[in-house]
Amino acid sequence: MTEKSHKIIGKNLKTARLNKNWTQVELADKAGINSNYYAKIERGDISPSYETFEKIFKALGVKSKDIFPV
C-alpha cells in the first residue's frame, strides 16, 4: 500500500470510530490492541497486519470494503 492509501484508511477508520462515539482507547480495547498502536494506524503512519485489521473491523462492525480505498 502507498502512503496515500494509509492516510485514506486511517481517515476511514476514524470516521467509523467517531460514528460509534468511541475514543481511540475504547476502540483499541474492544479490538484487543494497544491504543498507541491504533493511533498510529489511524494517522496513517503504519499499516498493520491483516489479523489486526480484522480485529479492528470486527470491533467496529464494518467490512473491509467500508474502510479500504477502491
N, C-alpha and C. Protein backbone atom coordinates (compact mmCIF):
# COMPACT_ATOMS: atom_id res chain seq x y z
N MET A 1 0.83 -1.18 0.00
CA MET A 1 0.00 0.00 0.00
C MET A 1 0.88 1.24 0.00
N THR A 2 0.36 2.29 -0.57
CA THR A 2 1.09 3.54 -0.62
C THR A 2 0.81 4.37 0.63
N GLU A 3 1.62 5.39 0.83
CA GLU A 3 1.41 6.28 1.97
C GLU A 3 0.04 6.95 1.88
N LYS A 4 -0.37 7.30 0.66
CA LYS A 4 -1.68 7.92 0.46
C LYS A 4 -2.79 6.96 0.88
N SER A 5 -2.64 5.68 0.54
CA SER A 5 -3.62 4.67 0.94
C SER A 5 -3.71 4.55 2.45
N HIS A 6 -2.56 4.60 3.12
CA HIS A 6 -2.53 4.52 4.59
C HIS A 6 -3.33 5.67 5.19
N LYS A 7 -3.17 6.86 4.61
CA LYS A 7 -3.88 8.04 5.13
C LYS A 7 -5.38 7.91 4.91
N ILE A 8 -5.78 7.40 3.75
CA ILE A 8 -7.21 7.23 3.46
C ILE A 8 -7.81 6.19 4.40
N ILE A 9 -7.11 5.09 4.60
CA ILE A 9 -7.59 4.04 5.51
C ILE A 9 -7.72 4.61 6.92
N GLY A 10 -6.72 5.36 7.36
CA GLY A 10 -6.78 5.98 8.67
C GLY A 10 -7.95 6.91 8.83
N LYS A 11 -8.21 7.71 7.80
CA LYS A 11 -9.35 8.63 7.82
C LYS A 11 -10.66 7.86 7.90
N ASN A 12 -10.77 6.79 7.12
CA ASN A 12 -11.99 5.98 7.12
C ASN A 12 -12.20 5.28 8.47
N LEU A 13 -11.11 4.82 9.08
CA LEU A 13 -11.21 4.21 10.40
C LEU A 13 -11.67 5.24 11.43
N LYS A 14 -11.12 6.43 11.34
CA LYS A 14 -11.51 7.50 12.27
C LYS A 14 -12.99 7.83 12.13
N THR A 15 -13.46 7.93 10.90
CA THR A 15 -14.87 8.23 10.66
C THR A 15 -15.76 7.14 11.25
N ALA A 16 -15.40 5.88 11.02
CA ALA A 16 -16.18 4.76 11.55
C ALA A 16 -16.17 4.77 13.08
N ARG A 17 -15.01 5.09 13.65
CA ARG A 17 -14.90 5.14 15.11
C ARG A 17 -15.75 6.27 15.68
N LEU A 18 -15.68 7.43 15.06
CA LEU A 18 -16.45 8.57 15.55
C LEU A 18 -17.95 8.35 15.40
N ASN A 19 -18.35 7.59 14.38
CA ASN A 19 -19.77 7.25 14.21
C ASN A 19 -20.29 6.44 15.39
N LYS A 20 -19.37 5.74 16.06
CA LYS A 20 -19.73 4.96 17.26
C LYS A 20 -19.58 5.79 18.54
N ASN A 21 -19.07 7.02 18.38
CA ASN A 21 -18.78 7.89 19.53
C ASN A 21 -17.78 7.26 20.48
N TRP A 22 -16.78 6.59 19.93
CA TRP A 22 -15.74 5.95 20.72
C TRP A 22 -14.45 6.76 20.62
N THR A 23 -13.68 6.70 21.70
CA THR A 23 -12.32 7.24 21.67
C THR A 23 -11.41 6.19 21.03
N GLN A 24 -10.19 6.61 20.73
CA GLN A 24 -9.22 5.65 20.21
C GLN A 24 -8.94 4.57 21.25
N VAL A 25 -8.90 4.95 22.51
CA VAL A 25 -8.64 3.99 23.57
C VAL A 25 -9.76 2.96 23.65
N GLU A 26 -11.00 3.42 23.55
CA GLU A 26 -12.14 2.49 23.60
C GLU A 26 -12.10 1.49 22.46
N LEU A 27 -11.82 1.98 21.25
CA LEU A 27 -11.76 1.07 20.11
C LEU A 27 -10.61 0.09 20.27
N ALA A 28 -9.45 0.59 20.67
CA ALA A 28 -8.30 -0.30 20.84
C ALA A 28 -8.62 -1.38 21.87
N ASP A 29 -9.27 -1.02 22.96
CA ASP A 29 -9.65 -2.01 23.97
C ASP A 29 -10.58 -3.06 23.39
N LYS A 30 -11.58 -2.61 22.63
CA LYS A 30 -12.54 -3.54 22.04
C LYS A 30 -11.89 -4.46 21.01
N ALA A 31 -10.87 -3.94 20.33
CA ALA A 31 -10.16 -4.73 19.32
C ALA A 31 -9.04 -5.56 19.93
N GLY A 32 -8.70 -5.31 21.17
CA GLY A 32 -7.63 -6.06 21.82
C GLY A 32 -6.24 -5.68 21.36
N ILE A 33 -6.07 -4.39 21.02
CA ILE A 33 -4.76 -3.92 20.60
C ILE A 33 -4.35 -2.72 21.44
N ASN A 34 -3.08 -2.34 21.38
CA ASN A 34 -2.56 -1.21 22.12
C ASN A 34 -3.10 0.09 21.54
N SER A 35 -3.51 1.01 22.39
CA SER A 35 -4.11 2.26 21.91
C SER A 35 -3.11 3.14 21.16
N ASN A 36 -1.84 3.12 21.58
CA ASN A 36 -0.83 3.90 20.85
C ASN A 36 -0.61 3.33 19.45
N TYR A 37 -0.63 2.03 19.35
CA TYR A 37 -0.51 1.36 18.05
C TYR A 37 -1.69 1.72 17.16
N TYR A 38 -2.90 1.69 17.74
CA TYR A 38 -4.08 2.05 16.95
C TYR A 38 -4.00 3.50 16.47
N ALA A 39 -3.55 4.40 17.33
CA ALA A 39 -3.43 5.80 16.94
C ALA A 39 -2.52 5.96 15.72
N LYS A 40 -1.44 5.18 15.66
CA LYS A 40 -0.54 5.23 14.51
C LYS A 40 -1.23 4.72 13.25
N ILE A 41 -2.08 3.72 13.39
CA ILE A 41 -2.83 3.20 12.24
C ILE A 41 -3.78 4.28 11.74
N GLU A 42 -4.49 4.91 12.67
CA GLU A 42 -5.48 5.92 12.29
C GLU A 42 -4.82 7.14 11.65
N ARG A 43 -3.62 7.47 12.10
CA ARG A 43 -2.89 8.60 11.49
C ARG A 43 -2.32 8.23 10.13
N GLY A 44 -2.30 6.95 9.82
CA GLY A 44 -1.74 6.51 8.55
C GLY A 44 -0.24 6.35 8.59
N ASP A 45 0.31 6.30 9.80
CA ASP A 45 1.76 6.17 9.95
C ASP A 45 2.25 4.75 9.69
N ILE A 46 1.39 3.77 9.96
CA ILE A 46 1.77 2.36 9.77
C ILE A 46 0.61 1.59 9.16
N SER A 47 0.95 0.44 8.62
CA SER A 47 -0.06 -0.47 8.10
C SER A 47 0.04 -1.77 8.89
N PRO A 48 -1.01 -2.10 9.62
CA PRO A 48 -0.95 -3.30 10.46
C PRO A 48 -1.13 -4.57 9.64
N SER A 49 -0.99 -5.68 10.32
CA SER A 49 -1.21 -6.98 9.69
C SER A 49 -2.70 -7.16 9.36
N TYR A 50 -2.96 -8.12 8.51
CA TYR A 50 -4.34 -8.47 8.16
C TYR A 50 -5.12 -8.84 9.42
N GLU A 51 -4.49 -9.58 10.32
CA GLU A 51 -5.16 -10.02 11.55
C GLU A 51 -5.58 -8.83 12.41
N THR A 52 -4.71 -7.83 12.48
CA THR A 52 -5.04 -6.64 13.26
C THR A 52 -6.18 -5.87 12.61
N PHE A 53 -6.15 -5.74 11.29
CA PHE A 53 -7.27 -5.10 10.60
C PHE A 53 -8.57 -5.84 10.90
N GLU A 54 -8.53 -7.15 10.87
CA GLU A 54 -9.73 -7.95 11.16
C GLU A 54 -10.27 -7.66 12.56
N LYS A 55 -9.39 -7.53 13.54
CA LYS A 55 -9.82 -7.22 14.90
C LYS A 55 -10.50 -5.85 14.96
N ILE A 56 -9.92 -4.89 14.25
CA ILE A 56 -10.48 -3.53 14.23
C ILE A 56 -11.84 -3.54 13.53
N PHE A 57 -11.91 -4.20 12.37
CA PHE A 57 -13.17 -4.25 11.63
C PHE A 57 -14.27 -4.92 12.45
N LYS A 58 -13.92 -6.00 13.14
CA LYS A 58 -14.89 -6.71 13.96
C LYS A 58 -15.38 -5.82 15.10
N ALA A 59 -14.46 -5.12 15.75
CA ALA A 59 -14.84 -4.23 16.84
C ALA A 59 -15.77 -3.12 16.35
N LEU A 60 -15.48 -2.59 15.16
CA LEU A 60 -16.30 -1.51 14.60
C LEU A 60 -17.58 -2.01 13.95
N GLY A 61 -17.63 -3.29 13.63
CA GLY A 61 -18.79 -3.83 12.93
C GLY A 61 -18.86 -3.39 11.49
N VAL A 62 -17.68 -3.28 10.86
CA VAL A 62 -17.61 -2.87 9.45
C VAL A 62 -16.93 -3.96 8.63
N LYS A 63 -17.04 -3.84 7.33
CA LYS A 63 -16.37 -4.75 6.40
C LYS A 63 -15.16 -4.03 5.80
N SER A 64 -14.22 -4.80 5.31
CA SER A 64 -13.01 -4.19 4.74
C SER A 64 -13.34 -3.23 3.60
N LYS A 65 -14.37 -3.53 2.82
CA LYS A 65 -14.73 -2.66 1.70
C LYS A 65 -15.22 -1.29 2.18
N ASP A 66 -15.63 -1.19 3.44
CA ASP A 66 -16.05 0.09 4.00
C ASP A 66 -14.86 0.96 4.37
N ILE A 67 -13.70 0.37 4.53
CA ILE A 67 -12.52 1.08 5.01
C ILE A 67 -11.45 1.25 3.93
N PHE A 68 -11.19 0.19 3.16
CA PHE A 68 -10.12 0.26 2.17
C PHE A 68 -10.56 1.05 0.95
N PRO A 69 -9.64 1.90 0.42
CA PRO A 69 -9.97 2.66 -0.78
C PRO A 69 -10.10 1.73 -1.99
N VAL A 70 -10.93 2.12 -2.90
CA VAL A 70 -11.17 1.32 -4.10
C VAL A 70 -10.02 1.46 -5.06
